[in-house]
N, C-alpha and C. Protein backbone atom coordinates (compact mmCIF):
# COMPACT_ATOMS: atom_id res chain seq x y z
N MET A 1 79.35 87.08 212.92
CA MET A 1 78.47 87.96 212.18
C MET A 1 77.69 88.79 213.20
N LYS A 2 77.68 90.10 212.99
CA LYS A 2 76.98 90.98 213.90
C LYS A 2 75.80 91.67 213.26
N SER A 3 75.80 91.80 211.92
CA SER A 3 74.67 92.46 211.27
C SER A 3 74.41 91.82 209.92
N CYS A 4 73.18 92.00 209.46
CA CYS A 4 72.77 91.51 208.15
C CYS A 4 71.99 92.62 207.47
N VAL A 5 72.48 93.06 206.31
CA VAL A 5 71.85 94.13 205.56
C VAL A 5 71.21 93.51 204.32
N SER A 6 69.96 93.87 204.07
CA SER A 6 69.22 93.26 202.97
C SER A 6 68.36 94.30 202.28
N ASP A 7 67.76 93.88 201.16
CA ASP A 7 66.86 94.77 200.42
C ASP A 7 65.49 94.85 201.06
N GLY A 8 65.25 94.09 202.09
CA GLY A 8 63.98 94.15 202.81
C GLY A 8 62.97 93.11 202.36
N ALA A 9 63.37 92.23 201.48
CA ALA A 9 62.45 91.20 201.00
C ALA A 9 62.06 90.26 202.15
N ALA A 10 60.85 89.75 202.10
CA ALA A 10 60.36 88.87 203.16
C ALA A 10 61.22 87.60 203.27
N ALA A 11 61.76 87.14 202.16
CA ALA A 11 62.61 85.95 202.20
C ALA A 11 63.88 86.20 203.00
N MET A 12 64.30 87.46 203.06
CA MET A 12 65.52 87.80 203.80
C MET A 12 65.22 88.23 205.24
N LEU A 13 64.29 89.18 205.38
CA LEU A 13 64.04 89.78 206.70
C LEU A 13 62.70 89.38 207.30
N GLY A 14 62.05 88.39 206.73
CA GLY A 14 60.74 87.97 207.23
C GLY A 14 60.78 87.53 208.69
N VAL A 15 59.76 87.90 209.42
CA VAL A 15 59.71 87.63 210.86
C VAL A 15 59.57 86.14 211.15
N HIS A 16 58.83 85.42 210.32
CA HIS A 16 58.55 84.02 210.62
C HIS A 16 59.50 83.03 209.95
N ASN A 17 59.89 83.31 208.71
CA ASN A 17 60.68 82.31 207.99
C ASN A 17 61.79 82.95 207.15
N GLY A 18 62.19 84.16 207.48
CA GLY A 18 63.25 84.81 206.73
C GLY A 18 64.63 84.25 207.06
N MET A 19 65.57 84.50 206.19
CA MET A 19 66.93 84.02 206.40
C MET A 19 67.52 84.54 207.70
N VAL A 20 67.27 85.82 208.00
CA VAL A 20 67.83 86.42 209.21
C VAL A 20 67.28 85.74 210.45
N MET A 21 66.01 85.36 210.42
CA MET A 21 65.42 84.68 211.57
C MET A 21 66.14 83.36 211.85
N HIS A 22 66.51 82.65 210.79
CA HIS A 22 67.23 81.39 210.98
C HIS A 22 68.64 81.64 211.53
N ILE A 23 69.28 82.71 211.08
CA ILE A 23 70.61 83.03 211.59
C ILE A 23 70.53 83.49 213.04
N GLN A 24 69.46 84.23 213.39
CA GLN A 24 69.30 84.72 214.76
C GLN A 24 69.11 83.59 215.76
N GLU A 25 68.69 82.42 215.31
CA GLU A 25 68.61 81.27 216.22
C GLU A 25 69.99 80.90 216.74
N LYS A 26 71.02 81.08 215.89
CA LYS A 26 72.39 80.77 216.28
C LYS A 26 73.13 81.99 216.83
N VAL A 27 72.78 83.19 216.33
CA VAL A 27 73.43 84.43 216.75
C VAL A 27 72.33 85.39 217.22
N PRO A 28 71.93 85.31 218.49
CA PRO A 28 70.79 86.08 218.98
C PRO A 28 70.97 87.60 218.93
N ASP A 29 72.20 88.10 219.01
CA ASP A 29 72.40 89.55 219.01
C ASP A 29 72.63 90.12 217.61
N LEU A 30 72.25 89.37 216.59
CA LEU A 30 72.39 89.81 215.20
C LEU A 30 71.49 91.02 214.95
N ILE A 31 72.03 92.03 214.30
CA ILE A 31 71.28 93.24 213.97
C ILE A 31 70.88 93.14 212.51
N LYS A 32 69.59 93.30 212.24
CA LYS A 32 69.11 93.27 210.86
C LYS A 32 68.64 94.66 210.46
N MET A 33 68.93 95.04 209.21
CA MET A 33 68.53 96.36 208.72
C MET A 33 68.40 96.36 207.21
N HIS A 34 67.68 97.36 206.72
CA HIS A 34 67.51 97.54 205.27
C HIS A 34 68.75 98.22 204.71
N CYS A 35 69.12 97.85 203.52
CA CYS A 35 70.26 98.45 202.82
C CYS A 35 69.92 99.88 202.43
N VAL A 36 70.82 100.80 202.72
CA VAL A 36 70.60 102.21 202.41
C VAL A 36 70.47 102.42 200.90
N CYS A 37 71.24 101.72 200.11
CA CYS A 37 71.18 101.87 198.65
C CYS A 37 69.83 101.41 198.11
N HIS A 38 69.31 100.30 198.64
CA HIS A 38 67.99 99.83 198.20
C HIS A 38 66.90 100.81 198.63
N ARG A 39 67.00 101.34 199.83
CA ARG A 39 66.03 102.33 200.30
C ARG A 39 66.04 103.56 199.39
N LEU A 40 67.22 104.03 199.03
CA LEU A 40 67.34 105.19 198.14
C LEU A 40 66.73 104.90 196.78
N ALA A 41 66.99 103.71 196.25
CA ALA A 41 66.43 103.33 194.95
C ALA A 41 64.90 103.32 195.00
N LEU A 42 64.33 102.76 196.07
CA LEU A 42 62.88 102.74 196.22
C LEU A 42 62.31 104.16 196.34
N ALA A 43 63.00 105.01 197.09
CA ALA A 43 62.56 106.40 197.23
C ALA A 43 62.59 107.12 195.89
N CYS A 44 63.61 106.85 195.08
CA CYS A 44 63.71 107.48 193.76
C CYS A 44 62.57 107.04 192.85
N VAL A 45 62.20 105.78 192.92
CA VAL A 45 61.09 105.29 192.10
C VAL A 45 59.79 105.99 192.50
N VAL A 46 59.54 106.09 193.79
CA VAL A 46 58.33 106.75 194.27
C VAL A 46 58.34 108.23 193.87
N MET A 47 59.47 108.89 194.04
CA MET A 47 59.57 110.31 193.70
C MET A 47 59.35 110.52 192.21
N TYR A 48 59.89 109.65 191.37
CA TYR A 48 59.71 109.76 189.93
C TYR A 48 58.23 109.67 189.56
N LYS A 49 57.53 108.71 190.16
CA LYS A 49 56.10 108.56 189.88
C LYS A 49 55.32 109.79 190.35
N GLU A 50 55.68 110.33 191.50
CA GLU A 50 55.01 111.53 192.00
C GLU A 50 55.28 112.72 191.09
N LEU A 51 56.50 112.85 190.61
CA LEU A 51 56.82 113.96 189.71
C LEU A 51 56.08 113.85 188.39
N LEU A 52 55.94 112.64 187.87
CA LEU A 52 55.18 112.45 186.63
C LEU A 52 53.72 112.85 186.84
N CYS A 53 53.16 112.47 187.96
CA CYS A 53 51.78 112.81 188.28
C CYS A 53 51.64 114.33 188.39
N LEU A 54 52.57 114.97 189.08
CA LEU A 54 52.55 116.42 189.22
C LEU A 54 52.70 117.09 187.86
N GLN A 55 53.59 116.58 187.03
CA GLN A 55 53.79 117.15 185.70
C GLN A 55 52.51 117.05 184.87
N ASN A 56 51.83 115.93 184.94
CA ASN A 56 50.57 115.76 184.21
C ASN A 56 49.51 116.73 184.71
N GLN A 57 49.45 116.93 186.01
CA GLN A 57 48.47 117.86 186.57
C GLN A 57 48.77 119.29 186.13
N MET A 58 50.04 119.67 186.13
CA MET A 58 50.42 121.02 185.72
C MET A 58 50.12 121.24 184.23
N TRP A 59 50.34 120.21 183.41
CA TRP A 59 50.06 120.33 181.99
C TRP A 59 48.56 120.56 181.79
N LYS A 60 47.72 119.82 182.50
CA LYS A 60 46.27 119.97 182.38
C LYS A 60 45.85 121.37 182.85
N PHE A 61 46.48 121.86 183.90
CA PHE A 61 46.15 123.17 184.44
C PHE A 61 46.58 124.27 183.47
N ASN A 62 47.77 124.16 182.91
CA ASN A 62 48.31 125.20 182.03
C ASN A 62 47.62 125.28 180.69
N LYS A 63 47.06 124.19 180.20
CA LYS A 63 46.44 124.23 178.86
C LYS A 63 45.21 125.13 178.84
N TYR A 64 44.61 125.43 179.98
CA TYR A 64 43.45 126.30 180.02
C TYR A 64 43.84 127.78 179.97
N PHE A 65 45.11 128.09 180.18
CA PHE A 65 45.55 129.47 180.23
C PHE A 65 46.42 129.85 179.04
N ARG A 66 46.39 129.11 177.98
CA ARG A 66 47.17 129.44 176.79
C ARG A 66 46.44 130.40 175.90
């Protein structure tokens, strides 16, 4: 095993007691990284919330100019 890709949860990638830390005891050159798909999903959730906030602000702004 050369790499471990995870969603970034502490149980998986935690520095002190994560699964990868236990594997690195046996395989010191193990590369750990966040899954690109999980990162994209998290970014989409944040972007959706930001867009909703922006939409609400624009609605409040536009109602004064009707």
